[in-house]
Amino acid sequence: MAPPHVTDDVLLASVIEDMSCPARGYSTGVRCQRYPGGRYQGKWLGMQPHGYGVRRTCSGLVYEGHWQMGQRHGYGTLRRKETNGSILRIYVGEWRQDKRNGEGKQFYPDGSVYFGQWLANQRSGQGIFWMADGGVYVGEWLLDQMHGKGVLFTANGNRYVGQFEGGCKSGAGVFYHDPEGQRIQRGFWSQDVCTTSLMPLLPG
């Protein structure tokens, strides 16, 4: 999903359009740099984008934000311009060495949204995930999956509070079987399957 990395060879072969002063080679400043596949407009340090700038690719991807020595680093927004002219948001948040890292919000094609912590392009730490079907997960993440303590609200109003592992309910937990929580199931889960549970009987 990330735009192609701009190598030094590509920069040396491209045309420089200095936006702030007469052409001075690759000196520090603010310019527009065209290269095969797109262009960059913003601040430079030596031969690398450094500071605030915008990079656009021919595929429609646009990154607007901070750079450090040619890599997305700091706060920035990644979006895509569709052929019909509409703008599709992809990610808004923190970056480190060209990867999502820190706190950010990801917008997925199916309409789901994640807001929380990232580590090397993967959801890791605390986060909230709004699912396309109306469900919501609030809790811990590891390696891009629900992992640790969390609460899962399903689209039909049920609720699970407990442990997750590898994206599934795994470990000790409590399942509330209707929006009012009138039936409470306590037990242990493995790969989304309840293996041992205790549930009060329904009134006869």
C-alpha atoms as a PDB file:
ATOM      1  CA  MET A   1       0.000   0.000   0.000  1.00  0.00           C
ATOM      2  CA  ALA A   2       2.963   2.327   0.520  1.00  0.00           C
ATOM      3  CA  PRO A   3       4.258   4.364  -2.451  1.00  0.00           C
ATOM      4  CA  PRO A   4       7.523   3.115  -4.024  1.00  0.00           C
ATOM      5  CA  HIS A   5      10.700   4.283  -2.317  1.00  0.00           C
ATOM      6  CA  VAL A   6      12.564   7.044  -4.109  1.00  0.00           C
ATOM      7  CA  THR A   7      16.159   5.900  -4.664  1.00  0.00           C
ATOM      8  CA  ASP A   8      19.135   8.212  -5.143  1.00  0.00           C
ATOM      9  CA  ASP A   9      19.565   6.973  -8.733  1.00  0.00           C
ATOM     10  CA  VAL A  10      15.992   7.972  -9.573  1.00  0.00           C
ATOM     11  CA  LEU A  11      16.486  11.378  -7.978  1.00  0.00           C
ATOM     12  CA  LEU A  12      19.691  11.988  -9.925  1.00  0.00           C
ATOM     13  CA  ALA A  13      17.958  11.083 -13.194  1.00  0.00           C
ATOM     14  CA  SER A  14      14.888  13.243 -12.616  1.00  0.00           C
ATOM     15  CA  VAL A  15      14.170  16.880 -13.330  1.00  0.00           C
ATOM     16  CA  ILE A  16      14.461  19.404 -10.473  1.00  0.00           C
ATOM     17  CA  GLU A  17      12.044  22.295 -10.278  1.00  0.00           C
ATOM     18  CA  ASP A  18      13.153  24.644  -7.504  1.00  0.00           C
ATOM     19  CA  MET A  19      10.110  26.312  -5.894  1.00  0.00           C
ATOM     20  CA  SER A  20      11.909  28.732  -3.589  1.00  0.00           C
ATOM     21  CA  CYS A  21      15.056  29.988  -5.367  1.00  0.00           C
ATOM     22  CA  PRO A  22      17.175  29.420  -8.506  1.00  0.00           C
ATOM     23  CA  ALA A  23      18.365  25.851  -9.102  1.00  0.00           C
ATOM     24  CA  ARG A  24      21.168  24.862  -6.719  1.00  0.00           C
ATOM     25  CA  GLY A  25      21.474  21.119  -7.413  1.00  0.00           C
ATOM     26  CA  TYR A  26      20.515  19.091  -4.376  1.00  0.00           C
ATOM     27  CA  SER A  27      20.979  21.748  -1.703  1.00  0.00           C
ATOM     28  CA  THR A  28      18.614  22.019   1.230  1.00  0.00           C
ATOM     29  CA  GLY A  29      15.392  23.865   0.417  1.00  0.00           C
ATOM     30  CA  VAL A  30      11.831  23.495  -0.851  1.00  0.00           C
ATOM     31  CA  ARG A  31      11.257  22.100  -4.331  1.00  0.00           C
ATOM     32  CA  CYS A  32       9.098  19.959  -6.564  1.00  0.00           C
ATOM     33  CA  GLN A  33      10.825  16.746  -7.654  1.00  0.00           C
ATOM     34  CA  ARG A  34       9.441  14.665 -10.503  1.00  0.00           C
ATOM     35  CA  TYR A  35      10.432  11.030 -10.925  1.00  0.00           C
ATOM     36  CA  PRO A  36       9.123   7.991 -12.860  1.00  0.00           C
ATOM     37  CA  GLY A  37       5.850   7.050 -11.200  1.00  0.00           C
ATOM     38  CA  GLY A  38       5.064  10.295  -9.399  1.00  0.00           C
ATOM     39  CA  ARG A  39       6.400  13.444  -7.790  1.00  0.00           C
ATOM     40  CA  TYR A  40       7.389  14.944  -4.438  1.00  0.00           C
ATOM     41  CA  GLN A  41       6.829  18.535  -3.354  1.00  0.00           C
ATOM     42  CA  GLY A  42       8.216  19.848  -0.117  1.00  0.00           C
ATOM     43  CA  LYS A  43      11.362  20.196   1.968  1.00  0.00           C
ATOM     44  CA  TRP A  44      14.676  18.496   1.277  1.00  0.00           C
ATOM     45  CA  LEU A  45      17.962  17.860   3.026  1.00  0.00           C
ATOM     46  CA  GLY A  46      20.728  17.039   0.590  1.00  0.00           C
ATOM     47  CA  MET A  47      19.265  14.513  -1.861  1.00  0.00           C
ATOM     48  CA  GLN A  48      16.431  13.264   0.384  1.00  0.00           C
ATOM     49  CA  PRO A  49      12.922  14.491   1.295  1.00  0.00           C
ATOM     50  CA  HIS A  50      13.310  15.789   4.844  1.00  0.00           C
ATOM     51  CA  GLY A  51      10.752  17.831   6.749  1.00  0.00           C
ATOM     52  CA  TYR A  52       7.207  18.457   5.561  1.00  0.00           C
ATOM     53  CA  GLY A  53       6.202  17.361   2.067  1.00  0.00           C
ATOM     54  CA  VAL A  54       3.690  15.693  -0.222  1.00  0.00           C
ATOM     55  CA  ARG A  55       4.385  12.708  -2.481  1.00  0.00           C
ATOM     56  CA  ARG A  56       1.973  11.593  -5.188  1.00  0.00           C
ATOM     57  CA  THR A  57       2.208   8.439  -7.277  1.00  0.00           C
ATOM     58  CA  CYS A  58       0.674   7.668 -10.672  1.00  0.00           C
ATOM     59  CA  SER A  59      -1.531   5.039  -8.971  1.00  0.00           C
ATOM     60  CA  GLY A  60      -3.288   7.809  -7.015  1.00  0.00           C
ATOM     61  CA  LEU A  61      -1.597   7.336  -3.626  1.00  0.00           C
ATOM     62  CA  VAL A  62      -0.849  10.582  -1.789  1.00  0.00           C
ATOM     63  CA  TYR A  63       1.214  10.913   1.385  1.00  0.00           C
ATOM     64  CA  GLU A  64       1.178  14.302   3.088  1.00  0.00           C
ATOM     65  CA  GLY A  65       3.241  14.756   6.209  1.00  0.00           C
ATOM     66  CA  HIS A  66       6.696  14.602   7.707  1.00  0.00           C
ATOM     67  CA  TRP A  67       9.803  12.945   6.277  1.00  0.00           C
ATOM     68  CA  GLN A  68      13.212  12.032   7.601  1.00  0.00           C
ATOM     69  CA  MET A  69      15.999  11.290   5.112  1.00  0.00           C
ATOM     70  CA  GLY A  70      13.654  10.018   2.404  1.00  0.00           C
ATOM     71  CA  GLN A  71      11.311   8.016   4.664  1.00  0.00           C
ATOM     72  CA  ARG A  72       7.897   8.821   6.094  1.00  0.00           C
ATOM     73  CA  HIS A  73       8.686   9.686   9.682  1.00  0.00           C
ATOM     74  CA  GLY A  74       6.548  11.699  12.090  1.00  0.00           C
ATOM     75  CA  TYR A  75       2.883  12.577  11.574  1.00  0.00           C
ATOM     76  CA  GLY A  76       1.261  12.125   8.187  1.00  0.00           C
ATOM     77  CA  THR A  77      -1.773  11.144   6.128  1.00  0.00           C
ATOM     78  CA  LEU A  78      -1.957   8.483   3.423  1.00  0.00           C
ATOM     79  CA  ARG A  79      -4.892   8.669   1.025  1.00  0.00           C
ATOM     80  CA  ARG A  80      -5.860   7.640  -2.487  1.00  0.00           C
ATOM     81  CA  LYS A  81      -7.431   9.763  -5.213  1.00  0.00           C
ATOM     82  CA  GLU A  82      -9.954   7.667  -7.119  1.00  0.00           C
ATOM     83  CA  THR A  83     -10.577   7.946 -10.868  1.00  0.00           C
ATOM     84  CA  ASN A  84     -13.932   9.633 -10.190  1.00  0.00           C
ATOM     85  CA  GLY A  85     -12.150  12.394  -8.261  1.00  0.00           C
ATOM     86  CA  SER A  86     -13.164  11.270  -4.787  1.00  0.00           C
ATOM     87  CA  ILE A  87     -10.572  10.997  -1.997  1.00  0.00           C
ATOM     88  CA  LEU A  88     -10.284   7.736  -0.038  1.00  0.00           C
ATOM     89  CA  ARG A  89      -8.579   8.005   3.344  1.00  0.00           C
ATOM     90  CA  ILE A  90      -6.269   5.114   4.196  1.00  0.00           C
ATOM     91  CA  TYR A  91      -4.228   6.058   7.272  1.00  0.00           C
ATOM     92  CA  VAL A  92      -3.846   9.109   9.513  1.00  0.00           C
ATOM     93  CA  GLY A  93      -1.273   9.091  12.282  1.00  0.00           C
ATOM     94  CA  GLU A  94       2.319   8.525  13.256  1.00  0.00           C
ATOM     95  CA  TRP A  95       5.084   6.955  11.142  1.00  0.00           C
ATOM     96  CA  ARG A  96       8.588   5.724  11.869  1.00  0.00           C
ATOM     97  CA  GLN A  97      11.102   4.777   9.185  1.00  0.00           C
ATOM     98  CA  ASP A  98       8.421   4.507   6.476  1.00  0.00           C
ATOM     99  CA  LYS A  99       6.071   2.334   8.573  1.00  0.00           C
ATOM    100  CA  ARG A 100       2.988   2.955  10.671  1.00  0.00           C
ATOM    101  CA  ASN A 101       4.307   3.281  14.195  1.00  0.00           C
ATOM    102  CA  GLY A 102       2.774   4.935  17.239  1.00  0.00           C
ATOM    103  CA  GLU A 103      -0.835   6.106  17.326  1.00  0.00           C
ATOM    104  CA  GLY A 104      -2.945   6.190  14.188  1.00  0.00           C
ATOM    105  CA  LYS A 105      -6.249   5.497  12.481  1.00  0.00           C
ATOM    106  CA  GLN A 106      -6.595   3.026   9.585  1.00  0.00           C
ATOM    107  CA  PHE A 107      -9.570   3.016   7.195  1.00  0.00           C
ATOM    108  CA  TYR A 108     -10.176  -0.345   5.477  1.00  0.00           C
ATOM    109  CA  PRO A 109     -11.897  -0.918   2.096  1.00  0.00           C
ATOM    110  CA  ASP A 110     -14.810  -2.822   3.682  1.00  0.00           C
ATOM    111  CA  GLY A 111     -15.716   0.162   5.869  1.00  0.00           C
ATOM    112  CA  SER A 112     -14.113  -1.035   9.102  1.00  0.00           C
ATOM    113  CA  VAL A 113     -11.872   1.347  11.071  1.00  0.00           C
ATOM    114  CA  TYR A 114      -9.058   0.827  13.578  1.00  0.00           C
ATOM    115  CA  PHE A 115      -7.773   3.493  15.947  1.00  0.00           C
ATOM    116  CA  GLY A 116      -4.950   2.784  18.336  1.00  0.00           C
ATOM    117  CA  GLN A 117      -1.319   1.829  18.587  1.00  0.00           C
ATOM    118  CA  TRP A 118       0.910   0.483  15.803  1.00  0.00           C
ATOM    119  CA  LEU A 119       4.313  -1.162  15.621  1.00  0.00           C
ATOM    120  CA  ALA A 120       6.077  -1.648  12.273  1.00  0.00           C
ATOM    121  CA  ASN A 121       2.834  -1.539  10.219  1.00  0.00           C
ATOM    122  CA  GLN A 122       0.986  -3.915  12.576  1.00  0.00           C
ATOM    123  CA  ARG A 123      -1.690  -3.191  15.160  1.00  0.00           C
ATOM    124  CA  SER A 124       0.070  -3.722  18.483  1.00  0.00           C
ATOM    125  CA  GLY A 125      -0.854  -2.346  21.898  1.00  0.00           C
ATOM    126  CA  GLN A 126      -4.191  -0.787  22.831  1.00  0.00           C
ATOM    127  CA  GLY A 127      -6.784  -0.156  20.133  1.00  0.00           C
ATOM    128  CA  ILE A 128     -10.422   0.047  19.060  1.00  0.00           C
ATOM    129  CA  PHE A 129     -11.717  -1.735  15.969  1.00  0.00           C
ATOM    130  CA  TRP A 130     -15.090  -0.813  14.469  1.00  0.00           C
ATOM    131  CA  MET A 131     -16.098  -3.747  12.256  1.00  0.00           C
ATOM    132  CA  ALA A 132     -18.012  -3.511   9.006  1.00  0.00           C
ATOM    133  CA  ASP A 133     -20.880  -5.639  10.397  1.00  0.00           C
ATOM    134  CA  GLY A 134     -21.424  -3.315  13.379  1.00  0.00           C
ATOM    135  CA  GLY A 135     -19.344  -5.169  15.946  1.00  0.00           C
ATOM    136  CA  VAL A 136     -16.718  -3.398  18.059  1.00  0.00           C
ATOM    137  CA  TYR A 137     -13.574  -4.665  19.777  1.00  0.00           C
ATOM    138  CA  VAL A 138     -11.815  -2.662  22.495  1.00  0.00           C
ATOM    139  CA  GLY A 139      -8.615  -4.020  23.946  1.00  0.00           C
ATOM    140  CA  GLU A 140      -5.121  -5.298  23.356  1.00  0.00           C
ATOM    141  CA  TRP A 141      -3.471  -6.225  20.033  1.00  0.00           C
ATOM    142  CA  LEU A 142      -0.353  -8.109  19.000  1.00  0.00           C
ATOM    143  CA  LEU A 143       1.004  -8.799  15.506  1.00  0.00           C
ATOM    144  CA  ASP A 144      -2.094  -7.255  13.891  1.00  0.00           C
ATOM    145  CA  GLN A 145      -4.548  -9.485  15.810  1.00  0.00           C
ATOM    146  CA  MET A 146      -6.744  -9.229  18.902  1.00  0.00           C
ATOM    147  CA  HIS A 147      -4.489 -10.587  21.635  1.00  0.00           C
ATOM    148  CA  GLY A 148      -4.634 -10.099  25.403  1.00  0.00           C
ATOM    149  CA  LYS A 149      -7.455  -8.557  27.437  1.00  0.00           C
ATOM    150  CA  GLY A 150     -10.396  -7.104  25.573  1.00  0.00           C
ATOM    151  CA  VAL A 151     -14.123  -6.596  25.142  1.00  0.00           C
ATOM    152  CA  LEU A 152     -15.943  -7.713  22.001  1.00  0.00           C
ATOM    153  CA  PHE A 153     -19.385  -6.273  21.251  1.00  0.00           C
ATOM    154  CA  THR A 154     -21.119  -8.275  18.525  1.00  0.00           C
ATOM    155  CA  ALA A 155     -23.535  -6.770  16.025  1.00  0.00           C
ATOM    156  CA  ASN A 156     -26.527  -8.565  17.621  1.00  0.00           C
ATOM    157  CA  GLY A 157     -25.854  -7.026  21.053  1.00  0.00           C
ATOM    158  CA  ASN A 158     -23.965  -9.867  22.749  1.00  0.00           C
ATOM    159  CA  ARG A 159     -20.769  -9.083  24.624  1.00  0.00           C
ATOM    160  CA  TYR A 160     -17.627 -11.033  25.529  1.00  0.00           C
ATOM    161  CA  VAL A 161     -15.201  -9.799  28.188  1.00  0.00           C
ATOM    162  CA  GLY A 162     -11.992 -11.720  28.648  1.00  0.00           C
ATOM    163  CA  GLN A 163      -8.867 -13.091  27.022  1.00  0.00           C
ATOM    164  CA  PHE A 164      -8.022 -13.218  23.307  1.00  0.00           C
ATOM    165  CA  GLU A 165      -5.235 -14.974  21.456  1.00  0.00           C
ATOM    166  CA  GLY A 166      -4.404 -14.784  17.765  1.00  0.00           C
ATOM    167  CA  GLY A 167      -7.637 -12.967  16.940  1.00  0.00           C
ATOM    168  CA  CYS A 168      -9.914 -15.456  18.749  1.00  0.00           C
ATOM    169  CA  LYS A 169     -11.567 -15.740  22.148  1.00  0.00           C
ATOM    170  CA  SER A 170      -9.058 -17.863  24.064  1.00  0.00           C
ATOM    171  CA  GLY A 171      -8.702 -18.142  27.848  1.00  0.00           C
ATOM    172  CA  ALA A 172     -10.941 -17.092  30.703  1.00  0.00           C
ATOM    173  CA  GLY A 173     -13.911 -14.924  29.840  1.00  0.00           C
ATOM    174  CA  VAL A 174     -17.506 -13.937  30.452  1.00  0.00           C
ATOM    175  CA  PHE A 175     -20.125 -13.944  27.691  1.00  0.00           C
ATOM    176  CA  TYR A 176     -23.289 -11.837  28.040  1.00  0.00           C
ATOM    177  CA  HIS A 177     -25.962 -13.370  25.835  1.00  0.00           C
ATOM    178  CA  ASP A 178     -28.261 -10.397  25.287  1.00  0.00           C
ATOM    179  CA  PRO A 179     -27.989  -6.604  25.399  1.00  0.00           C
ATOM    180  CA  GLU A 180     -29.258  -6.480  28.982  1.00  0.00           C
ATOM    181  CA  GLY A 181     -26.837  -9.193  30.092  1.00  0.00           C
ATOM    182  CA  GLN A 182     -29.586 -11.356  31.606  1.00  0.00           C
ATOM    183  CA  ARG A 183     -27.779 -14.608  30.732  1.00  0.00           C
ATOM    184  CA  ILE A 184     -24.168 -14.658  31.840  1.00  0.00           C
ATOM    185  CA  GLN A 185     -21.836 -17.441  30.753  1.00  0.00           C
ATOM    186  CA  ARG A 186     -18.528 -17.761  32.583  1.00  0.00           C
ATOM    187  CA  GLY A 187     -15.919 -20.141  31.272  1.00  0.00           C
ATOM    188  CA  PHE A 188     -12.839 -20.869  29.211  1.00  0.00           C
ATOM    189  CA  TRP A 189     -12.540 -20.477  25.459  1.00  0.00           C
ATOM    190  CA  SER A 190     -10.165 -21.903  22.870  1.00  0.00           C
ATOM    191  CA  GLN A 191     -10.145 -20.620  19.279  1.00  0.00           C
ATOM    192  CA  ASP A 192     -13.589 -18.997  19.736  1.00  0.00           C
ATOM    193  CA  VAL A 193     -15.069 -22.240  21.153  1.00  0.00           C
ATOM    194  CA  CYS A 194     -16.204 -22.410  24.772  1.00  0.00           C
ATOM    195  CA  THR A 195     -14.644 -25.562  26.264  1.00  0.00           C
ATOM    196  CA  THR A 196     -15.795 -25.169  29.874  1.00  0.00           C
ATOM    197  CA  SER A 197     -18.580 -22.949  31.139  1.00  0.00           C
ATOM    198  CA  LEU A 198     -21.037 -22.204  33.900  1.00  0.00           C
ATOM    199  CA  MET A 199     -24.364 -20.647  32.977  1.00  0.00           C
ATOM    200  CA  PRO A 200     -27.457 -20.136  35.179  1.00  0.00           C
ATOM    201  CA  LEU A 201     -30.543 -22.089  34.096  1.00  0.00           C
ATOM    202  CA  LEU A 202     -33.393 -20.246  32.448  1.00  0.00           C
ATOM    203  CA  PRO A 203     -36.508 -19.898  34.631  1.00  0.00           C
ATOM    204  CA  GLY A 204     -38.953 -22.725  34.014  1.00  0.00           C
END
